[in-house]
């Protein structure tokens, strides 16, 4: 495969990630707009607010998992069954840093609790992790964008 063909292929491969990143950005806006300004206000909020924040949280984490899977597939490998392993593989590829990996490992534990109808997560903890998700999630998106820009821009064109 020529370098030009390889670069074109990388750009095409990036398109699914790019669209997932755009959707991720939209989810950040929804979470930020729905999350009350302080924890106390969130704790006393109605069930609809709590459900909305849970849904936003789940969507953001799942979208990051989808992006990880696209990156792993892009490298020619099969995405792992475990969501944790996907984040580790993406971190090992250099796409995200260790701090981002560590946060998402914690977020995945919360994700499991939220998704499990018999477990759940206390409102105060969900507020804290959702606030952190805005920060670390946006950092994740920024790192992924940079990773693809660096990957595509470093390929020589014939």
Protein backbone atom coordinates (compact mmCIF):
# COMPACT_ATOMS: atom_id res chain seq x y z
CA UNK A 1 0.00 0.00 0.00
CA UNK A 2 1.43 3.39 -0.98
CA UNK A 3 1.85 6.12 1.62
CA UNK A 4 -0.87 8.20 -0.08
CA UNK A 5 -3.28 5.25 0.00
CA UNK A 6 -2.33 4.55 3.61
CA UNK A 7 -3.00 8.18 4.61
CA UNK A 8 -6.35 8.16 2.79
CA UNK A 9 -7.22 4.90 4.55
CA UNK A 10 -6.34 6.44 7.93
CA UNK A 11 -8.53 9.45 7.22
CA UNK A 12 -11.43 7.19 6.26
CA UNK A 13 -10.85 5.14 9.38
CA UNK A 14 -10.92 8.33 11.45
CA UNK A 15 -14.40 9.25 10.17
CA UNK A 16 -16.23 6.77 12.44
CA UNK A 17 -14.19 8.02 15.40
CA UNK A 18 -14.77 11.63 14.37
CA UNK A 19 -18.54 11.13 14.28
CA UNK A 20 -18.46 9.34 17.64
CA UNK A 21 -16.43 12.22 19.09
CA UNK A 22 -19.04 14.70 17.81
CA UNK A 23 -21.77 12.69 19.53
CA UNK A 24 -19.64 12.52 22.68
CA UNK A 25 -19.36 16.32 22.68
CA UNK A 26 -23.14 16.55 22.42
CA UNK A 27 -23.48 14.23 25.42
CA UNK A 28 -21.11 16.45 27.43
CA UNK A 29 -23.40 19.40 26.73
CA UNK A 30 -26.44 17.43 27.86
CA UNK A 31 -24.74 16.36 31.08
CA UNK A 32 -23.44 19.83 31.79
CA UNK A 33 -26.86 21.42 31.19
CA UNK A 34 -28.71 18.83 33.28
CA UNK A 35 -26.32 18.68 36.23
CA UNK A 36 -27.29 21.09 39.01
CA UNK A 37 -24.60 23.58 40.00
CA UNK A 38 -23.92 21.99 43.38
CA UNK A 39 -24.10 18.57 45.01
CA UNK A 40 -26.70 19.50 47.61
CA UNK A 41 -29.07 20.73 44.91
CA UNK A 42 -28.56 17.49 43.00
CA UNK A 43 -29.13 15.27 46.03
CA UNK A 44 -32.55 16.85 46.70
CA UNK A 45 -33.50 16.95 43.00
CA UNK A 46 -36.40 14.87 41.69
CA UNK A 47 -36.11 11.38 40.22
CA UNK A 48 -36.32 12.71 36.68
CA UNK A 49 -33.14 14.74 37.21
CA UNK A 50 -31.37 11.75 38.75
CA UNK A 51 -32.47 9.51 35.86
CA UNK A 52 -31.38 12.08 33.31
CA UNK A 53 -27.90 12.38 34.84
CA UNK A 54 -27.57 8.59 35.01
CA UNK A 55 -28.53 8.34 31.33
CA UNK A 56 -26.03 11.03 30.33
CA UNK A 57 -23.31 9.32 32.35
CA UNK A 58 -24.02 5.95 30.74
CA UNK A 59 -24.11 7.45 27.23
CA UNK A 60 -20.75 9.21 27.66
CA UNK A 61 -18.98 6.16 29.02
CA UNK A 62 -20.50 3.91 26.36
CA UNK A 63 -19.52 6.34 23.61
CA UNK A 64 -15.92 6.32 24.90
CA UNK A 65 -16.03 2.49 24.84
CA UNK A 66 -17.27 2.64 21.23
CA UNK A 67 -14.42 5.00 20.31
CA UNK A 68 -11.93 2.65 21.96
CA UNK A 69 -13.32 -0.27 19.97
CA UNK A 70 -13.02 1.71 16.71
CA UNK A 71 -9.40 2.55 17.52
CA UNK A 72 -8.62 -1.06 18.35
CA UNK A 73 -10.29 -2.25 15.13
CA UNK A 74 -8.36 0.43 13.25
CA UNK A 75 -5.13 -1.16 14.51
CA UNK A 76 -6.25 -4.49 13.02
CA UNK A 77 -7.16 -6.15 16.30
CA UNK A 78 -10.43 -7.41 17.71
CA UNK A 79 -11.85 -5.26 20.52
CA UNK A 80 -11.75 -7.00 23.90
CA UNK A 81 -14.90 -8.22 25.57
CA UNK A 82 -14.12 -6.29 28.76
CA UNK A 83 -14.58 -2.52 28.60
CA UNK A 84 -11.65 -2.08 31.01
CA UNK A 85 -9.30 -3.84 28.60
CA UNK A 86 -10.34 -1.53 25.78
CA UNK A 87 -9.29 1.53 27.76
CA UNK A 88 -6.00 -0.17 28.66
CA UNK A 89 -5.31 -1.05 25.03
CA UNK A 90 -5.99 2.53 23.91
CA UNK A 91 -3.73 3.86 26.67
CA UNK A 92 -0.98 1.43 25.67
CA UNK A 93 -1.27 2.67 22.07
CA UNK A 94 -0.44 6.17 23.30
CA UNK A 95 -3.87 7.63 22.51
CA UNK A 96 -4.73 8.50 26.14
CA UNK A 97 -2.64 9.12 29.23
CA UNK A 98 -2.56 7.09 32.42
CA UNK A 99 -4.59 9.66 34.39
CA UNK A 100 -7.42 9.36 31.86
CA UNK A 101 -7.19 5.57 31.98
CA UNK A 102 -7.39 5.59 35.79
CA UNK A 103 -10.44 7.83 35.79
CA UNK A 104 -12.27 5.71 33.22
CA UNK A 105 -11.51 2.55 35.17
CA UNK A 106 -13.30 4.20 38.12
CA UNK A 107 -16.08 5.44 35.83
CA UNK A 108 -16.59 1.90 34.50
CA UNK A 109 -17.12 0.65 38.06
CA UNK A 110 -19.79 3.33 38.48
CA UNK A 111 -21.22 2.43 35.07
CA UNK A 112 -21.66 -1.18 36.22
CA UNK A 113 -23.40 -0.04 39.41
CA UNK A 114 -25.77 2.25 37.50
CA UNK A 115 -26.55 -0.40 34.88
CA UNK A 116 -27.20 -3.06 37.53
CA UNK A 117 -30.78 -2.65 38.81
CA UNK A 118 -29.87 -4.35 42.08
CA UNK A 119 -26.91 -2.11 42.89
CA UNK A 120 -27.19 1.54 41.96
CA UNK A 121 -25.05 4.44 43.05
CA UNK A 122 -25.83 7.04 45.75
CA UNK A 123 -26.75 10.49 44.38
CA UNK A 124 -23.77 12.21 46.05
CA UNK A 125 -21.34 9.75 44.46
CA UNK A 126 -23.02 10.05 41.06
CA UNK A 127 -22.81 13.83 41.26
CA UNK A 128 -19.09 13.69 42.05
CA UNK A 129 -18.22 11.19 39.34
CA UNK A 130 -20.39 13.01 36.78
CA UNK A 131 -18.62 16.27 37.52
CA UNK A 132 -15.29 14.50 37.08
CA UNK A 133 -16.58 12.86 33.89
CA UNK A 134 -17.05 16.26 32.33
CA UNK A 135 -13.41 17.11 33.03
CA UNK A 136 -11.81 13.74 32.24
CA UNK A 137 -14.19 12.96 29.39
CA UNK A 138 -13.36 16.19 27.60
CA UNK A 139 -9.68 15.48 28.18
CA UNK A 140 -10.21 11.98 26.71
CA UNK A 141 -11.85 13.46 23.61
CA UNK A 142 -9.03 15.99 23.22
CA UNK A 143 -6.38 13.27 23.51
CA UNK A 144 -8.14 11.06 20.95
CA UNK A 145 -8.39 13.97 18.47
CA UNK A 146 -4.70 14.74 18.94
CA UNK A 147 -3.76 11.08 18.55
CA UNK A 148 -5.43 10.89 15.15
CA UNK A 149 -4.07 14.24 14.01
CA UNK A 150 -0.57 13.14 14.98
CA UNK A 151 -1.02 9.71 13.34
CA UNK A 152 -2.29 11.11 10.05
CA UNK A 153 0.13 14.07 9.93
CA UNK A 154 3.23 11.92 10.51
CA UNK A 155 2.66 9.72 7.48
CA UNK A 156 4.81 10.80 4.55
CA UNK A 157 3.02 11.51 1.30
CA UNK A 158 4.65 10.30 -1.89
